[in-house]
Amino acid sequence: MNEFILKLEDLFEMQSGSVLPSDLFRDYESWDSLALLSLMAMLEDEYGKTIPREVFEKLNTIEDLHNYIIS
């Protein structure tokens, strides 16, 4: 989880230690359509995972994303 969080902090241009597993990622100030595309690209490049839209819409927290990626 720590490595995943570090990648997200970099992606969302946030300070180290500012992303928590319980965070609602859509509430981040930097969340927009470009952040969504960047997140999807990172998940595919780094983890080889593509999240279908209907599944992604049900994911709310950083922990939800992480759990989906490692499943």
PDB file of N, CA and C in Angstrom:
ATOM      1  N   MET A   1       0.829  -1.202   0.000  1.00  0.00           N
ATOM      2  CA  MET A   1       0.000   0.000   0.000  1.00  0.00           C
ATOM      3  C   MET A   1       0.868   1.258   0.000  1.00  0.00           C
ATOM      4  N   ASN A   2       1.991   1.231   0.725  1.00  0.00           N
ATOM      5  CA  ASN A   2       2.841   2.426   0.807  1.00  0.00           C
ATOM      6  C   ASN A   2       3.360   2.851  -0.561  1.00  0.00           C
ATOM      7  N   GLU A   3       3.807   1.876  -1.348  1.00  0.00           N
ATOM      8  CA  GLU A   3       4.305   2.184  -2.692  1.00  0.00           C
ATOM      9  C   GLU A   3       3.186   2.777  -3.553  1.00  0.00           C
ATOM     10  N   PHE A   4       2.006   2.214  -3.446  1.00  0.00           N
ATOM     11  CA  PHE A   4       0.842   2.699  -4.192  1.00  0.00           C
ATOM     12  C   PHE A   4       0.535   4.150  -3.814  1.00  0.00           C
ATOM     13  N   ILE A   5       0.557   4.438  -2.530  1.00  0.00           N
ATOM     14  CA  ILE A   5       0.290   5.794  -2.049  1.00  0.00           C
ATOM     15  C   ILE A   5       1.354   6.768  -2.548  1.00  0.00           C
ATOM     16  N   LEU A   6       2.606   6.360  -2.550  1.00  0.00           N
ATOM     17  CA  LEU A   6       3.671   7.233  -3.049  1.00  0.00           C
ATOM     18  C   LEU A   6       3.451   7.579  -4.519  1.00  0.00           C
ATOM     19  N   LYS A   7       3.034   6.603  -5.301  1.00  0.00           N
ATOM     20  CA  LYS A   7       2.760   6.841  -6.716  1.00  0.00           C
ATOM     21  C   LYS A   7       1.591   7.806  -6.890  1.00  0.00           C
ATOM     22  N   LEU A   8       0.579   7.674  -6.047  1.00  0.00           N
ATOM     23  CA  LEU A   8      -0.567   8.573  -6.128  1.00  0.00           C
ATOM     24  C   LEU A   8      -0.196   9.989  -5.699  1.00  0.00           C
ATOM     25  N   GLU A   9       0.628  10.121  -4.671  1.00  0.00           N
ATOM     26  CA  GLU A   9       1.072  11.452  -4.251  1.00  0.00           C
ATOM     27  C   GLU A   9       1.817  12.142  -5.389  1.00  0.00           C
ATOM     28  N   ASP A  10       2.626  11.396  -6.086  1.00  0.00           N
ATOM     29  CA  ASP A  10       3.346  11.945  -7.230  1.00  0.00           C
ATOM     30  C   ASP A  10       2.365  12.311  -8.344  1.00  0.00           C
ATOM     31  N   LEU A  11       1.464  11.415  -8.645  1.00  0.00           N
ATOM     32  CA  LEU A  11       0.478  11.628  -9.706  1.00  0.00           C
ATOM     33  C   LEU A  11      -0.395  12.846  -9.434  1.00  0.00           C
ATOM     34  N   PHE A  12      -0.879  12.973  -8.206  1.00  0.00           N
ATOM     35  CA  PHE A  12      -1.760  14.080  -7.841  1.00  0.00           C
ATOM     36  C   PHE A  12      -0.996  15.324  -7.389  1.00  0.00           C
ATOM     37  N   GLU A  13       0.344  15.262  -7.449  1.00  0.00           N
ATOM     38  CA  GLU A  13       1.215  16.376  -7.052  1.00  0.00           C
ATOM     39  C   GLU A  13       0.902  16.846  -5.636  1.00  0.00           C
ATOM     40  N   MET A  14       0.887  15.877  -4.714  1.00  0.00           N
ATOM     41  CA  MET A  14       0.592  16.166  -3.318  1.00  0.00           C
ATOM     42  C   MET A  14       1.833  15.915  -2.475  1.00  0.00           C
ATOM     43  N   GLN A  15       1.892  16.562  -1.331  1.00  0.00           N
ATOM     44  CA  GLN A  15       3.012  16.399  -0.411  1.00  0.00           C
ATOM     45  C   GLN A  15       3.094  14.968   0.085  1.00  0.00           C
ATOM     46  N   SER A  16       4.304  14.529   0.329  1.00  0.00           N
ATOM     47  CA  SER A  16       4.525  13.206   0.892  1.00  0.00           C
ATOM     48  C   SER A  16       3.812  13.098   2.240  1.00  0.00           C
ATOM     49  N   GLY A  17       3.106  12.017   2.436  1.00  0.00           N
ATOM     50  CA  GLY A  17       2.391  11.788   3.683  1.00  0.00           C
ATOM     51  C   GLY A  17       0.990  12.372   3.711  1.00  0.00           C
ATOM     52  N   SER A  18       0.565  13.004   2.619  1.00  0.00           N
ATOM     53  CA  SER A  18      -0.749  13.647   2.635  1.00  0.00           C
ATOM     54  C   SER A  18      -1.879  12.762   2.105  1.00  0.00           C
ATOM     55  N   VAL A  19      -1.528  11.635   1.490  1.00  0.00           N
ATOM     56  CA  VAL A  19      -2.546  10.713   0.985  1.00  0.00           C
ATOM     57  C   VAL A  19      -2.729   9.584   1.998  1.00  0.00           C
ATOM     58  N   LEU A  20      -3.975   9.358   2.369  1.00  0.00           N
ATOM     59  CA  LEU A  20      -4.315   8.296   3.324  1.00  0.00           C
ATOM     60  C   LEU A  20      -5.214   7.271   2.649  1.00  0.00           C
ATOM     61  N   PRO A  21      -5.153   6.006   3.081  1.00  0.00           N
ATOM     62  CA  PRO A  21      -6.004   4.972   2.487  1.00  0.00           C
ATOM     63  C   PRO A  21      -7.495   5.305   2.537  1.00  0.00           C
ATOM     64  N   SER A  22      -7.925   6.045   3.542  1.00  0.00           N
ATOM     65  CA  SER A  22      -9.345   6.356   3.695  1.00  0.00           C
ATOM     66  C   SER A  22      -9.794   7.582   2.892  1.00  0.00           C
ATOM     67  N   ASP A  23      -8.852   8.257   2.226  1.00  0.00           N
ATOM     68  CA  ASP A  23      -9.194   9.452   1.455  1.00  0.00           C
ATOM     69  C   ASP A  23     -10.142   9.132   0.305  1.00  0.00           C
ATOM     70  N   LEU A  24     -11.078  10.033   0.073  1.00  0.00           N
ATOM     71  CA  LEU A  24     -11.947   9.972  -1.100  1.00  0.00           C
ATOM     72  C   LEU A  24     -11.201  10.702  -2.224  1.00  0.00           C
ATOM     73  N   PHE A  25     -10.629   9.936  -3.151  1.00  0.00           N
ATOM     74  CA  PHE A  25      -9.737  10.538  -4.143  1.00  0.00           C
ATOM     75  C   PHE A  25     -10.445  11.556  -5.039  1.00  0.00           C
ATOM     76  N   ARG A  26     -11.722  11.406  -5.255  1.00  0.00           N
ATOM     77  CA  ARG A  26     -12.456  12.379  -6.080  1.00  0.00           C
ATOM     78  C   ARG A  26     -12.590  13.744  -5.387  1.00  0.00           C
ATOM     79  N   ASP A  27     -12.313  13.800  -4.088  1.00  0.00           N
ATOM     80  CA  ASP A  27     -12.371  15.055  -3.342  1.00  0.00           C
ATOM     81  C   ASP A  27     -11.061  15.837  -3.390  1.00  0.00           C
ATOM     82  N   TYR A  28     -10.009  15.244  -3.957  1.00  0.00           N
ATOM     83  CA  TYR A  28      -8.736  15.959  -4.037  1.00  0.00           C
ATOM     84  C   TYR A  28      -8.887  17.194  -4.912  1.00  0.00           C
ATOM     85  N   GLU A  29      -8.237  18.245  -4.516  1.00  0.00           N
ATOM     86  CA  GLU A  29      -8.286  19.498  -5.266  1.00  0.00           C
ATOM     87  C   GLU A  29      -7.814  19.297  -6.707  1.00  0.00           C
ATOM     88  N   SER A  30      -6.851  18.412  -6.903  1.00  0.00           N
ATOM     89  CA  SER A  30      -6.287  18.182  -8.234  1.00  0.00           C
ATOM     90  C   SER A  30      -7.101  17.185  -9.072  1.00  0.00           C
ATOM     91  N   TRP A  31      -8.207  16.666  -8.535  1.00  0.00           N
ATOM     92  CA  TRP A  31      -9.004  15.681  -9.267  1.00  0.00           C
ATOM     93  C   TRP A  31      -9.792  16.359 -10.386  1.00  0.00           C
ATOM     94  N   ASP A  32      -9.532  15.908 -11.585  1.00  0.00           N
ATOM     95  CA  ASP A  32     -10.260  16.368 -12.758  1.00  0.00           C
ATOM     96  C   ASP A  32     -10.136  15.298 -13.830  1.00  0.00           C
ATOM     97  N   SER A  33     -10.608  15.578 -15.031  1.00  0.00           N
ATOM     98  CA  SER A  33     -10.583  14.568 -16.086  1.00  0.00           C
ATOM     99  C   SER A  33      -9.158  14.182 -16.465  1.00  0.00           C
ATOM    100  N   LEU A  34      -8.237  15.123 -16.407  1.00  0.00           N
ATOM    101  CA  LEU A  34      -6.837  14.809 -16.705  1.00  0.00           C
ATOM    102  C   LEU A  34      -6.247  13.896 -15.629  1.00  0.00           C
ATOM    103  N   ALA A  35      -6.582  14.150 -14.375  1.00  0.00           N
ATOM    104  CA  ALA A  35      -6.114  13.292 -13.283  1.00  0.00           C
ATOM    105  C   ALA A  35      -6.671  11.878 -13.451  1.00  0.00           C
ATOM    106  N   LEU A  36      -7.920  11.775 -13.877  1.00  0.00           N
ATOM    107  CA  LEU A  36      -8.523  10.465 -14.119  1.00  0.00           C
ATOM    108  C   LEU A  36      -7.761   9.720 -15.201  1.00  0.00           C
ATOM    109  N   LEU A  37      -7.484  10.390 -16.311  1.00  0.00           N
ATOM    110  CA  LEU A  37      -6.738   9.745 -17.390  1.00  0.00           C
ATOM    111  C   LEU A  37      -5.338   9.349 -16.940  1.00  0.00           C
ATOM    112  N   SER A  38      -4.688  10.216 -16.183  1.00  0.00           N
ATOM    113  CA  SER A  38      -3.347   9.915 -15.670  1.00  0.00           C
ATOM    114  C   SER A  38      -3.376   8.727 -14.719  1.00  0.00           C
ATOM    115  N   LEU A  39      -4.398   8.668 -13.869  1.00  0.00           N
ATOM    116  CA  LEU A  39      -4.544   7.550 -12.942  1.00  0.00           C
ATOM    117  C   LEU A  39      -4.731   6.249 -13.710  1.00  0.00           C
ATOM    118  N   MET A  40      -5.596   6.248 -14.690  1.00  0.00           N
ATOM    119  CA  MET A  40      -5.841   5.034 -15.472  1.00  0.00           C
ATOM    120  C   MET A  40      -4.582   4.580 -16.198  1.00  0.00           C
ATOM    121  N   ALA A  41      -3.840   5.531 -16.754  1.00  0.00           N
ATOM    122  CA  ALA A  41      -2.588   5.192 -17.441  1.00  0.00           C
ATOM    123  C   ALA A  41      -1.568   4.615 -16.462  1.00  0.00           C
ATOM    124  N   MET A  42      -1.452   5.211 -15.278  1.00  0.00           N
ATOM    125  CA  MET A  42      -0.510   4.720 -14.272  1.00  0.00           C
ATOM    126  C   MET A  42      -0.870   3.314 -13.820  1.00  0.00           C
ATOM    127  N   LEU A  43      -2.153   3.063 -13.591  1.00  0.00           N
ATOM    128  CA  LEU A  43      -2.581   1.739 -13.136  1.00  0.00           C
ATOM    129  C   LEU A  43      -2.280   0.679 -14.190  1.00  0.00           C
ATOM    130  N   GLU A  44      -2.460   1.039 -15.444  1.00  0.00           N
ATOM    131  CA  GLU A  44      -2.172   0.078 -16.507  1.00  0.00           C
ATOM    132  C   GLU A  44      -0.671  -0.127 -16.669  1.00  0.00           C
ATOM    133  N   ASP A  45       0.098   0.960 -16.670  1.00  0.00           N
ATOM    134  CA  ASP A  45       1.553   0.859 -16.846  1.00  0.00           C
ATOM    135  C   ASP A  45       2.235   0.169 -15.683  1.00  0.00           C
ATOM    136  N   GLU A  46       1.885   0.564 -14.459  1.00  0.00           N
ATOM    137  CA  GLU A  46       2.578   0.069 -13.267  1.00  0.00           C
ATOM    138  C   GLU A  46       2.056  -1.283 -12.776  1.00  0.00           C
ATOM    139  N   TYR A  47       0.771  -1.526 -12.973  1.00  0.00           N
ATOM    140  CA  TYR A  47       0.162  -2.725 -12.386  1.00  0.00           C
ATOM    141  C   TYR A  47      -0.492  -3.637 -13.416  1.00  0.00           C
ATOM    142  N   GLY A  48      -0.516  -3.211 -14.680  1.00  0.00           N
ATOM    143  CA  GLY A  48      -1.119  -4.028 -15.721  1.00  0.00           C
ATOM    144  C   GLY A  48      -2.613  -4.216 -15.545  1.00  0.00           C
ATOM    145  N   LYS A  49      -3.262  -3.267 -14.895  1.00  0.00           N
ATOM    146  CA  LYS A  49      -4.703  -3.366 -14.618  1.00  0.00           C
ATOM    147  C   LYS A  49      -5.463  -2.258 -15.321  1.00  0.00           C
ATOM    148  N   THR A  50      -6.581  -2.636 -15.890  1.00  0.00           N
ATOM    149  CA  THR A  50      -7.542  -1.686 -16.439  1.00  0.00           C
ATOM    150  C   THR A  50      -8.815  -1.836 -15.628  1.00  0.00           C
ATOM    151  N   ILE A  51      -9.372  -0.736 -15.199  1.00  0.00           N
ATOM    152  CA  ILE A  51     -10.590  -0.777 -14.388  1.00  0.00           C
ATOM    153  C   ILE A  51     -11.770  -0.401 -15.283  1.00  0.00           C
ATOM    154  N   PRO A  52     -12.705  -1.321 -15.466  1.00  0.00           N
ATOM    155  CA  PRO A  52     -13.894  -0.981 -16.249  1.00  0.00           C
ATOM    156  C   PRO A  52     -14.659   0.177 -15.596  1.00  0.00           C
ATOM    157  N   ARG A  53     -15.285   0.986 -16.430  1.00  0.00           N
ATOM    158  CA  ARG A  53     -15.975   2.181 -15.936  1.00  0.00           C
ATOM    159  C   ARG A  53     -16.989   1.862 -14.840  1.00  0.00           C
ATOM    160  N   GLU A  54     -17.795   0.809 -15.038  1.00  0.00           N
ATOM    161  CA  GLU A  54     -18.823   0.473 -14.055  1.00  0.00           C
ATOM    162  C   GLU A  54     -18.220   0.061 -12.711  1.00  0.00           C
ATOM    163  N   VAL A  55     -17.026  -0.508 -12.736  1.00  0.00           N
ATOM    164  CA  VAL A  55     -16.331  -0.859 -11.494  1.00  0.00           C
ATOM    165  C   VAL A  55     -15.734   0.394 -10.870  1.00  0.00           C
ATOM    166  N   PHE A  56     -15.084   1.225 -11.692  1.00  0.00           N
ATOM    167  CA  PHE A  56     -14.436   2.432 -11.185  1.00  0.00           C
ATOM    168  C   PHE A  56     -15.429   3.341 -10.480  1.00  0.00           C
ATOM    169  N   GLU A  57     -16.619   3.432 -11.003  1.00  0.00           N
ATOM    170  CA  GLU A  57     -17.637   4.294 -10.398  1.00  0.00           C
ATOM    171  C   GLU A  57     -18.009   3.866  -8.985  1.00  0.00           C
ATOM    172  N   LYS A  58     -17.750   2.602  -8.650  1.00  0.00           N
ATOM    173  CA  LYS A  58     -18.065   2.083  -7.313  1.00  0.00           C
ATOM    174  C   LYS A  58     -16.891   2.223  -6.341  1.00  0.00           C
ATOM    175  N   LEU A  59     -15.717   2.584  -6.855  1.00  0.00           N
ATOM    176  CA  LEU A  59     -14.538   2.757  -6.013  1.00  0.00           C
ATOM    177  C   LEU A  59     -14.508   4.192  -5.507  1.00  0.00           C
ATOM    178  N   ASN A  60     -14.345   4.357  -4.210  1.00  0.00           N
ATOM    179  CA  ASN A  60     -14.394   5.704  -3.626  1.00  0.00           C
ATOM    180  C   ASN A  60     -13.108   6.135  -2.953  1.00  0.00           C
ATOM    181  N   THR A  61     -12.462   5.229  -2.258  1.00  0.00           N
ATOM    182  CA  THR A  61     -11.287   5.588  -1.469  1.00  0.00           C
ATOM    183  C   THR A  61     -10.008   5.078  -2.122  1.00  0.00           C
ATOM    184  N   ILE A  62      -8.897   5.580  -1.624  1.00  0.00           N
ATOM    185  CA  ILE A  62      -7.593   5.089  -2.064  1.00  0.00           C
ATOM    186  C   ILE A  62      -7.488   3.596  -1.768  1.00  0.00           C
ATOM    187  N   GLU A  63      -7.991   3.185  -0.619  1.00  0.00           N
ATOM    188  CA  GLU A  63      -7.967   1.769  -0.251  1.00  0.00           C
ATOM    189  C   GLU A  63      -8.796   0.937  -1.229  1.00  0.00           C
ATOM    190  N   ASP A  64      -9.947   1.447  -1.663  1.00  0.00           N
ATOM    191  CA  ASP A  64     -10.759   0.739  -2.653  1.00  0.00           C
ATOM    192  C   ASP A  64      -9.954   0.512  -3.940  1.00  0.00           C
ATOM    193  N   LEU A  65      -9.286   1.570  -4.398  1.00  0.00           N
ATOM    194  CA  LEU A  65      -8.443   1.440  -5.607  1.00  0.00           C
ATOM    195  C   LEU A  65      -7.365   0.393  -5.403  1.00  0.00           C
ATOM    196  N   HIS A  66      -6.661   0.494  -4.292  1.00  0.00           N
ATOM    197  CA  HIS A  66      -5.576  -0.440  -4.000  1.00  0.00           C
ATOM    198  C   HIS A  66      -6.080  -1.872  -3.949  1.00  0.00           C
ATOM    199  N   ASN A  67      -7.170  -2.087  -3.260  1.00  0.00           N
ATOM    200  CA  ASN A  67      -7.717  -3.445  -3.150  1.00  0.00           C
ATOM    201  C   ASN A  67      -8.113  -4.005  -4.507  1.00  0.00           C
ATOM    202  N   TYR A  68      -8.649  -3.175  -5.371  1.00  0.00           N
ATOM    203  CA  TYR A  68      -9.004  -3.645  -6.705  1.00  0.00           C
ATOM    204  C   TYR A  68      -7.737  -4.010  -7.487  1.00  0.00           C
ATOM    205  N   ILE A  69      -6.722  -3.183  -7.392  1.00  0.00           N
ATOM    206  CA  ILE A  69      -5.481  -3.407  -8.135  1.00  0.00           C
ATOM    207  C   ILE A  69      -4.789  -4.695  -7.699  1.00  0.00           C
ATOM    208  N   ILE A  70      -4.800  -4.980  -6.412  1.00  0.00           N
ATOM    209  CA  ILE A  70      -4.075  -6.178  -5.943  1.00  0.00           C
ATOM    210  C   ILE A  70      -4.913  -7.443  -6.029  1.00  0.00           C
ATOM    211  N   SER A  71      -6.185  -7.309  -6.389  1.00  0.00           N
ATOM    212  CA  SER A  71      -7.042  -8.512  -6.448  1.00  0.00           C
ATOM    213  C   SER A  71      -6.810  -9.289  -7.736  1.00  0.00           C
TER     214      SER A  71
END
